[in-house]
């Protein structure tokens, strides 16, 4: 029996709407499908990159919910109990 795994790529557009593309994996085969418009594609290599490209091109959804505000990249890690600011 083959195991099926699912992950998702989500981005927000300029109107604050969330758009999600799910990546389904069965063995070495990956299928990506957009929850918003139903777009579907088979992708053996870099499925998450193709999902991000679809969200940007088709839905203008480029805001990454996991990124730090305003930078488009994840924020720096700070140890517990610190604020990350200089004294």
PDB file of N, CA and C in Angstrom:
ATOM      1  N   UNK A   1       0.844  -1.178   0.000  1.00  0.00           N
ATOM      2  CA  UNK A   1       0.000   0.000   0.000  1.00  0.00           C
ATOM      3  C   UNK A   1       0.887   1.239   0.000  1.00  0.00           C
ATOM      4  N   UNK A   2       0.605   2.201  -0.897  1.00  0.00           N
ATOM      5  CA  UNK A   2       1.389   3.424  -0.964  1.00  0.00           C
ATOM      6  C   UNK A   2       0.875   4.436   0.046  1.00  0.00           C
ATOM      7  N   UNK A   3       1.809   5.221   0.558  1.00  0.00           N
ATOM      8  CA  UNK A   3       1.463   6.244   1.536  1.00  0.00           C
ATOM      9  C   UNK A   3       1.304   7.576   0.823  1.00  0.00           C
ATOM     10  N   UNK A   4       0.283   8.353   1.205  1.00  0.00           N
ATOM     11  CA  UNK A   4       0.046   9.651   0.585  1.00  0.00           C
ATOM     12  C   UNK A   4       0.244  10.740   1.620  1.00  0.00           C
ATOM     13  N   UNK A   5       1.086  11.699   1.282  1.00  0.00           N
ATOM     14  CA  UNK A   5       1.358  12.823   2.162  1.00  0.00           C
ATOM     15  C   UNK A   5       0.870  14.100   1.496  1.00  0.00           C
ATOM     16  N   UNK A   6       0.417  15.040   2.312  1.00  0.00           N
ATOM     17  CA  UNK A   6      -0.076  16.315   1.800  1.00  0.00           C
ATOM     18  C   UNK A   6       0.554  17.452   2.579  1.00  0.00           C
ATOM     19  N   UNK A   7       0.971  18.483   1.859  1.00  0.00           N
ATOM     20  CA  UNK A   7       1.427  19.717   2.482  1.00  0.00           C
ATOM     21  C   UNK A   7       0.774  20.863   1.722  1.00  0.00           C
ATOM     22  N   UNK A   8       0.963  22.088   2.221  1.00  0.00           N
ATOM     23  CA  UNK A   8       0.317  23.201   1.540  1.00  0.00           C
ATOM     24  C   UNK A   8       1.227  24.415   1.501  1.00  0.00           C
ATOM     25  N   UNK A   9       0.992  25.241   0.499  1.00  0.00           N
ATOM     26  CA  UNK A   9       1.646  26.530   0.360  1.00  0.00           C
ATOM     27  C   UNK A   9       0.530  27.556   0.394  1.00  0.00           C
ATOM     28  N   UNK A  10       0.602  28.492   1.335  1.00  0.00           N
ATOM     29  CA  UNK A  10      -0.456  29.510   1.405  1.00  0.00           C
ATOM     30  C   UNK A  10       0.158  30.896   1.329  1.00  0.00           C
ATOM     31  N   UNK A  11      -0.528  31.785   0.650  1.00  0.00           N
ATOM     32  CA  UNK A  11      -0.118  33.179   0.501  1.00  0.00           C
ATOM     33  C   UNK A  11      -1.374  34.043   0.558  1.00  0.00           C
ATOM     34  N   UNK A  12      -1.197  35.296   0.917  1.00  0.00           N
ATOM     35  CA  UNK A  12      -2.304  36.245   0.953  1.00  0.00           C
ATOM     36  C   UNK A  12      -2.138  37.246  -0.172  1.00  0.00           C
ATOM     37  N   UNK A  13      -3.272  37.706  -0.712  1.00  0.00           N
ATOM     38  CA  UNK A  13      -3.230  38.736  -1.744  1.00  0.00           C
ATOM     39  C   UNK A  13      -3.341  40.112  -1.087  1.00  0.00           C
ATOM     40  N   UNK A  14      -3.369  41.164  -1.910  1.00  0.00           N
ATOM     41  CA  UNK A  14      -3.405  42.537  -1.392  1.00  0.00           C
ATOM     42  C   UNK A  14      -4.734  42.888  -0.725  1.00  0.00           C
ATOM     43  N   UNK A  15      -5.749  42.063  -0.885  1.00  0.00           N
ATOM     44  CA  UNK A  15      -7.052  42.284  -0.253  1.00  0.00           C
ATOM     45  C   UNK A  15      -7.209  41.486   1.035  1.00  0.00           C
ATOM     46  N   UNK A  16      -6.165  40.774   1.429  1.00  0.00           N
ATOM     47  CA  UNK A  16      -6.205  40.013   2.668  1.00  0.00           C
ATOM     48  C   UNK A  16      -6.832  38.640   2.551  1.00  0.00           C
ATOM     49  N   UNK A  17      -7.057  38.171   1.316  1.00  0.00           N
ATOM     50  CA  UNK A  17      -7.633  36.841   1.122  1.00  0.00           C
ATOM     51  C   UNK A  17      -6.529  35.795   1.053  1.00  0.00           C
ATOM     52  N   UNK A  18      -6.775  34.669   1.704  1.00  0.00           N
ATOM     53  CA  UNK A  18      -5.810  33.577   1.687  1.00  0.00           C
ATOM     54  C   UNK A  18      -6.042  32.690   0.473  1.00  0.00           C
ATOM     55  N   UNK A  19      -4.962  32.307  -0.174  1.00  0.00           N
ATOM     56  CA  UNK A  19      -5.000  31.377  -1.301  1.00  0.00           C
ATOM     57  C   UNK A  19      -4.087  30.213  -0.940  1.00  0.00           C
ATOM     58  N   UNK A  20      -4.546  28.987  -1.197  1.00  0.00           N
ATOM     59  CA  UNK A  20      -3.801  27.791  -0.797  1.00  0.00           C
ATOM     60  C   UNK A  20      -3.629  26.859  -1.991  1.00  0.00           C
ATOM     61  N   UNK A  21      -2.400  26.357  -2.141  1.00  0.00           N
ATOM     62  CA  UNK A  21      -2.114  25.303  -3.110  1.00  0.00           C
ATOM     63  C   UNK A  21      -1.611  24.119  -2.304  1.00  0.00           C
ATOM     64  N   UNK A  22      -2.220  22.971  -2.494  1.00  0.00           N
ATOM     65  CA  UNK A  22      -1.831  21.763  -1.766  1.00  0.00           C
ATOM     66  C   UNK A  22      -0.934  20.897  -2.639  1.00  0.00           C
ATOM     67  N   UNK A  23       0.067  20.323  -2.007  1.00  0.00           N
ATOM     68  CA  UNK A  23       1.002  19.425  -2.686  1.00  0.00           C
ATOM     69  C   UNK A  23       0.730  18.020  -2.153  1.00  0.00           C
ATOM     70  N   UNK A  24       0.272  17.141  -3.033  1.00  0.00           N
ATOM     71  CA  UNK A  24      -0.021  15.749  -2.670  1.00  0.00           C
ATOM     72  C   UNK A  24       1.121  14.884  -3.185  1.00  0.00           C
ATOM     73  N   UNK A  25       1.626  14.013  -2.322  1.00  0.00           N
ATOM     74  CA  UNK A  25       2.735  13.141  -2.706  1.00  0.00           C
ATOM     75  C   UNK A  25       2.321  11.694  -2.531  1.00  0.00           C
ATOM     76  N   UNK A  26       2.484  10.942  -3.592  1.00  0.00           N
ATOM     77  CA  UNK A  26       2.274   9.496  -3.567  1.00  0.00           C
ATOM     78  C   UNK A  26       3.518   8.876  -4.190  1.00  0.00           C
ATOM     79  N   UNK A  27       4.368   8.285  -3.358  1.00  0.00           N
ATOM     80  CA  UNK A  27       5.639   7.762  -3.864  1.00  0.00           C
ATOM     81  C   UNK A  27       6.511   8.901  -4.351  1.00  0.00           C
ATOM     82  N   UNK A  28       6.978   8.818  -5.597  1.00  0.00           N
ATOM     83  CA  UNK A  28       7.796   9.895  -6.157  1.00  0.00           C
ATOM     84  C   UNK A  28       6.956  10.915  -6.924  1.00  0.00           C
ATOM     85  N   UNK A  29       5.696  10.613  -7.163  1.00  0.00           N
ATOM     86  CA  UNK A  29       4.820  11.504  -7.922  1.00  0.00           C
ATOM     87  C   UNK A  29       4.221  12.574  -7.022  1.00  0.00           C
ATOM     88  N   UNK A  30       4.233  13.825  -7.484  1.00  0.00           N
ATOM     89  CA  UNK A  30       3.618  14.929  -6.751  1.00  0.00           C
ATOM     90  C   UNK A  30       2.605  15.626  -7.636  1.00  0.00           C
ATOM     91  N   UNK A  31       1.471  15.945  -7.048  1.00  0.00           N
ATOM     92  CA  UNK A  31       0.426  16.685  -7.752  1.00  0.00           C
ATOM     93  C   UNK A  31       0.135  17.940  -6.955  1.00  0.00           C
ATOM     94  N   UNK A  32       0.067  19.076  -7.629  1.00  0.00           N
ATOM     95  CA  UNK A  32      -0.260  20.321  -6.948  1.00  0.00           C
ATOM     96  C   UNK A  32      -1.631  20.786  -7.425  1.00  0.00           C
ATOM     97  N   UNK A  33      -2.447  21.284  -6.478  1.00  0.00           N
ATOM     98  CA  UNK A  33      -3.812  21.696  -6.791  1.00  0.00           C
ATOM     99  C   UNK A  33      -4.162  22.944  -6.004  1.00  0.00           C
ATOM    100  N   UNK A  34      -4.719  23.937  -6.694  1.00  0.00           N
ATOM    101  CA  UNK A  34      -5.111  25.194  -6.082  1.00  0.00           C
ATOM    102  C   UNK A  34      -6.529  25.088  -5.522  1.00  0.00           C
ATOM    103  N   UNK A  35      -6.688  25.399  -4.229  1.00  0.00           N
ATOM    104  CA  UNK A  35      -8.012  25.382  -3.606  1.00  0.00           C
ATOM    105  C   UNK A  35      -8.896  26.507  -4.125  1.00  0.00           C
ATOM    106  N   UNK A  36      -8.295  27.604  -4.575  1.00  0.00           N
ATOM    107  CA  UNK A  36      -9.064  28.770  -5.017  1.00  0.00           C
ATOM    108  C   UNK A  36      -9.703  28.572  -6.379  1.00  0.00           C
ATOM    109  N   UNK A  37      -8.908  28.129  -7.364  1.00  0.00           N
ATOM    110  CA  UNK A  37      -9.422  28.070  -8.738  1.00  0.00           C
ATOM    111  C   UNK A  37      -9.488  26.657  -9.316  1.00  0.00           C
ATOM    112  N   UNK A  38      -8.974  25.657  -8.589  1.00  0.00           N
ATOM    113  CA  UNK A  38      -9.028  24.290  -9.083  1.00  0.00           C
ATOM    114  C   UNK A  38      -7.910  23.924 -10.030  1.00  0.00           C
ATOM    115  N   UNK A  39      -6.970  24.844 -10.287  1.00  0.00           N
ATOM    116  CA  UNK A  39      -5.824  24.574 -11.152  1.00  0.00           C
ATOM    117  C   UNK A  39      -5.077  23.359 -10.619  1.00  0.00           C
ATOM    118  N   UNK A  40      -4.618  22.508 -11.517  1.00  0.00           N
ATOM    119  CA  UNK A  40      -3.971  21.262 -11.120  1.00  0.00           C
ATOM    120  C   UNK A  40      -2.799  20.992 -12.052  1.00  0.00           C
ATOM    121  N   UNK A  41      -1.719  20.454 -11.473  1.00  0.00           N
ATOM    122  CA  UNK A  41      -0.544  20.154 -12.283  1.00  0.00           C
ATOM    123  C   UNK A  41       0.262  19.041 -11.623  1.00  0.00           C
ATOM    124  N   UNK A  42       0.849  18.202 -12.447  1.00  0.00           N
ATOM    125  CA  UNK A  42       1.758  17.178 -11.959  1.00  0.00           C
ATOM    126  C   UNK A  42       3.148  17.796 -11.927  1.00  0.00           C
ATOM    127  N   UNK A  43       3.885  17.577 -10.852  1.00  0.00           N
ATOM    128  CA  UNK A  43       5.207  18.178 -10.729  1.00  0.00           C
ATOM    129  C   UNK A  43       6.131  17.221  -9.987  1.00  0.00           C
ATOM    130  N   UNK A  44       7.111  16.706 -10.690  1.00  0.00           N
ATOM    131  CA  UNK A  44       8.042  15.793 -10.051  1.00  0.00           C
ATOM    132  C   UNK A  44       9.123  16.568  -9.300  1.00  0.00           C
ATOM    133  N   UNK A  45       9.542  17.717  -9.845  1.00  0.00           N
ATOM    134  CA  UNK A  45      10.601  18.500  -9.244  1.00  0.00           C
ATOM    135  C   UNK A  45      10.083  19.872  -8.804  1.00  0.00           C
ATOM    136  N   UNK A  46      10.506  20.322  -7.644  1.00  0.00           N
ATOM    137  CA  UNK A  46      10.200  21.642  -7.095  1.00  0.00           C
ATOM    138  C   UNK A  46       8.705  21.978  -7.076  1.00  0.00           C
ATOM    139  N   UNK A  47       7.862  21.124  -6.541  1.00  0.00           N
ATOM    140  CA  UNK A  47       6.424  21.414  -6.563  1.00  0.00           C
ATOM    141  C   UNK A  47       6.055  22.647  -5.742  1.00  0.00           C
ATOM    142  N   UNK A  48       6.788  22.918  -4.655  1.00  0.00           N
ATOM    143  CA  UNK A  48       6.449  24.067  -3.812  1.00  0.00           C
ATOM    144  C   UNK A  48       6.782  25.369  -4.524  1.00  0.00           C
ATOM    145  N   UNK A  49       7.860  25.385  -5.296  1.00  0.00           N
ATOM    146  CA  UNK A  49       8.203  26.560  -6.079  1.00  0.00           C
ATOM    147  C   UNK A  49       7.144  26.814  -7.154  1.00  0.00           C
ATOM    148  N   UNK A  50       6.683  25.758  -7.807  1.00  0.00           N
ATOM    149  CA  UNK A  50       5.635  25.898  -8.820  1.00  0.00           C
ATOM    150  C   UNK A  50       4.332  26.361  -8.189  1.00  0.00           C
ATOM    151  N   UNK A  51       4.055  25.924  -6.970  1.00  0.00           N
ATOM    152  CA  UNK A  51       2.857  26.376  -6.254  1.00  0.00           C
ATOM    153  C   UNK A  51       2.957  27.868  -5.955  1.00  0.00           C
ATOM    154  N   UNK A  52       4.124  28.326  -5.492  1.00  0.00           N
ATOM    155  CA  UNK A  52       4.323  29.750  -5.212  1.00  0.00           C
ATOM    156  C   UNK A  52       4.177  30.583  -6.483  1.00  0.00           C
ATOM    157  N   UNK A  53       4.717  30.085  -7.595  1.00  0.00           N
ATOM    158  CA  UNK A  53       4.605  30.799  -8.870  1.00  0.00           C
ATOM    159  C   UNK A  53       3.148  30.929  -9.294  1.00  0.00           C
ATOM    160  N   UNK A  54       2.368  29.862  -9.135  1.00  0.00           N
ATOM    161  CA  UNK A  54       0.951  29.918  -9.500  1.00  0.00           C
ATOM    162  C   UNK A  54       0.222  30.958  -8.655  1.00  0.00           C
ATOM    163  N   UNK A  55       0.468  30.952  -7.350  1.00  0.00           N
ATOM    164  CA  UNK A  55      -0.203  31.904  -6.469  1.00  0.00           C
ATOM    165  C   UNK A  55       0.142  33.342  -6.840  1.00  0.00           C
ATOM    166  N   UNK A  56       1.391  33.594  -7.175  1.00  0.00           N
ATOM    167  CA  UNK A  56       1.814  34.945  -7.540  1.00  0.00           C
ATOM    168  C   UNK A  56       1.228  35.379  -8.888  1.00  0.00           C
ATOM    169  N   UNK A  57       1.259  34.492  -9.868  1.00  0.00           N
ATOM    170  CA  UNK A  57       0.809  34.852 -11.214  1.00  0.00           C
ATOM    171  C   UNK A  57      -0.712  34.870 -11.344  1.00  0.00           C
ATOM    172  N   UNK A  58      -1.380  33.860 -10.852  1.00  0.00           N
ATOM    173  CA  UNK A  58      -2.822  33.737 -11.055  1.00  0.00           C
ATOM    174  C   UNK A  58      -3.644  34.549 -10.059  1.00  0.00           C
ATOM    175  N   UNK A  59      -3.138  34.710  -8.837  1.00  0.00           N
ATOM    176  CA  UNK A  59      -3.939  35.347  -7.786  1.00  0.00           C
ATOM    177  C   UNK A  59      -3.278  36.577  -7.177  1.00  0.00           C
ATOM    178  N   UNK A  60      -2.083  36.944  -7.648  1.00  0.00           N
ATOM    179  CA  UNK A  60      -1.317  38.050  -7.086  1.00  0.00           C
ATOM    180  C   UNK A  60      -1.186  37.901  -5.567  1.00  0.00           C
ATOM    181  N   UNK A  61      -1.069  36.672  -5.116  1.00  0.00           N
ATOM    182  CA  UNK A  61      -0.940  36.357  -3.696  1.00  0.00           C
ATOM    183  C   UNK A  61       0.532  36.116  -3.402  1.00  0.00           C
ATOM    184  N   UNK A  62       1.184  37.100  -2.790  1.00  0.00           N
ATOM    185  CA  UNK A  62       2.624  37.029  -2.574  1.00  0.00           C
ATOM    186  C   UNK A  62       3.030  37.202  -1.119  1.00  0.00           C
ATOM    187  N   UNK A  63       2.086  37.475  -0.225  1.00  0.00           N
ATOM    188  CA  UNK A  63       2.430  37.698   1.170  1.00  0.00           C
ATOM    189  C   UNK A  63       2.527  36.360   1.881  1.00  0.00           C
ATOM    190  N   UNK A  64       3.727  36.046   2.369  1.00  0.00           N
ATOM    191  CA  UNK A  64       3.999  34.786   3.056  1.00  0.00           C
ATOM    192  C   UNK A  64       3.612  34.922   4.523  1.00  0.00           C
ATOM    193  N   UNK A  65       2.679  34.100   5.019  1.00  0.00           N
ATOM    194  CA  UNK A  65       2.245  34.226   6.409  1.00  0.00           C
ATOM    195  C   UNK A  65       3.310  33.853   7.421  1.00  0.00           C
ATOM    196  N   UNK A  66       4.347  33.136   7.004  1.00  0.00           N
ATOM    197  CA  UNK A  66       5.390  32.733   7.939  1.00  0.00           C
ATOM    198  C   UNK A  66       6.551  33.710   7.974  1.00  0.00           C
ATOM    199  N   UNK A  67       6.537  34.724   7.101  1.00  0.00           N
ATOM    200  CA  UNK A  67       7.640  35.676   7.036  1.00  0.00           C
ATOM    201  C   UNK A  67       7.463  36.789   8.056  1.00  0.00           C
ATOM    202  N   UNK A  68       8.571  37.388   8.421  1.00  0.00           N
ATOM    203  CA  UNK A  68       8.530  38.553   9.319  1.00  0.00           C
ATOM    204  C   UNK A  68       7.885  39.712   8.576  1.00  0.00           C
ATOM    205  N   UNK A  69       7.254  40.608   9.292  1.00  0.00           N
ATOM    206  CA  UNK A  69       6.543  41.721   8.671  1.00  0.00           C
ATOM    207  C   UNK A  69       7.479  42.590   7.843  1.00  0.00           C
ATOM    208  N   UNK A  70       7.087  42.805   6.584  1.00  0.00           N
ATOM    209  CA  UNK A  70       7.769  43.747   5.724  1.00  0.00           C
ATOM    210  C   UNK A  70       9.041  43.271   5.050  1.00  0.00           C
ATOM    211  N   UNK A  71       9.604  42.131   5.418  1.00  0.00           N
ATOM    212  CA  UNK A  71      10.871  41.719   4.837  1.00  0.00           C
ATOM    213  C   UNK A  71      10.714  40.627   3.799  1.00  0.00           C
ATOM    214  N   UNK A  72       9.645  39.839   3.874  1.00  0.00           N
ATOM    215  CA  UNK A  72       9.471  38.733   2.951  1.00  0.00           C
ATOM    216  C   UNK A  72      10.321  37.534   3.309  1.00  0.00           C
ATOM    217  N   UNK A  73      11.046  37.623   4.431  1.00  0.00           N
ATOM    218  CA  UNK A  73      11.892  36.525   4.894  1.00  0.00           C
ATOM    219  C   UNK A  73      11.573  36.223   6.342  1.00  0.00           C
ATOM    220  N   UNK A  74      11.841  34.992   6.777  1.00  0.00           N
ATOM    221  CA  UNK A  74      11.627  34.684   8.190  1.00  0.00           C
ATOM    222  C   UNK A  74      12.500  35.571   9.069  1.00  0.00           C
ATOM    223  N   UNK A  75      11.966  35.962  10.199  1.00  0.00           N
ATOM    224  CA  UNK A  75      12.692  36.827  11.114  1.00  0.00           C
ATOM    225  C   UNK A  75      13.805  36.088  11.827  1.00  0.00           C
ATOM    226  N   UNK A  76      14.711  36.847  12.483  1.00  0.00           N
ATOM    227  CA  UNK A  76      15.810  36.218  13.205  1.00  0.00           C
ATOM    228  C   UNK A  76      15.316  35.485  14.435  1.00  0.00           C
ATOM    229  N   UNK A  77      16.033  34.458  14.821  1.00  0.00           N
ATOM    230  CA  UNK A  77      15.685  33.714  16.021  1.00  0.00           C
ATOM    231  C   UNK A  77      16.250  34.443  17.229  1.00  0.00           C
ATOM    232  N   UNK A  78      15.438  34.618  18.249  1.00  0.00           N
ATOM    233  CA  UNK A  78      15.922  35.242  19.494  1.00  0.00           C
ATOM    234  C   UNK A  78      15.688  34.264  20.618  1.00  0.00           C
ATOM    235  N   UNK A  79      16.666  34.150  21.546  1.00  0.00           N
ATOM    236  CA  UNK A  79      16.505  33.233  22.668  1.00  0.00           C
ATOM    237  C   UNK A  79      15.340  33.636  23.536  1.00  0.00           C
ATOM    238  N   UNK A  80      14.758  32.668  24.245  1.00  0.00           N
ATOM    239  CA  UNK A  80      13.652  32.963  25.152  1.00  0.00           C
ATOM    240  C   UNK A  80      14.075  33.973  26.192  1.00  0.00           C
ATOM    241  N   UNK A  81      13.159  34.886  26.519  1.00  0.00           N
ATOM    242  CA  UNK A  81      13.414  35.863  27.550  1.00  0.00           C
ATOM    243  C   UNK A  81      14.126  37.106  27.053  1.00  0.00           C
ATOM    244  N   UNK A  82      14.435  37.171  25.749  1.00  0.00           N
ATOM    245  CA  UNK A  82      15.056  38.376  25.214  1.00  0.00           C
ATOM    246  C   UNK A  82      14.132  38.987  24.193  1.00  0.00           C
ATOM    247  N   UNK A  83      14.317  40.260  23.949  1.00  0.00           N
ATOM    248  CA  UNK A  83      13.460  40.969  23.014  1.00  0.00           C
ATOM    249  C   UNK A  83      14.117  41.131  21.664  1.00  0.00           C
ATOM    250  N   UNK A  84      15.434  40.895  21.587  1.00  0.00           N
ATOM    251  CA  UNK A  84      16.138  41.093  20.330  1.00  0.00           C
ATOM    252  C   UNK A  84      16.619  42.505  20.172  1.00  0.00           C
ATOM    253  N   UNK A  85      16.351  43.381  21.136  1.00  0.00           N
ATOM    254  CA  UNK A  85      16.775  44.779  21.079  1.00  0.00           C
ATOM    255  C   UNK A  85      18.031  44.972  21.913  1.00  0.00           C
ATOM    256  N   UNK A  86      18.881  45.884  21.485  1.00  0.00           N
ATOM    257  CA  UNK A  86      20.093  46.202  22.256  1.00  0.00           C
ATOM    258  C   UNK A  86      19.708  46.953  23.526  1.00  0.00           C
ATOM    259  N   UNK A  87      20.462  46.775  24.630  1.00  0.00           N
ATOM    260  CA  UNK A  87      20.126  47.460  25.888  1.00  0.00           C
ATOM    261  C   UNK A  87      20.368  48.940  25.815  1.00  0.00           C
TER     262      UNK A  87
END
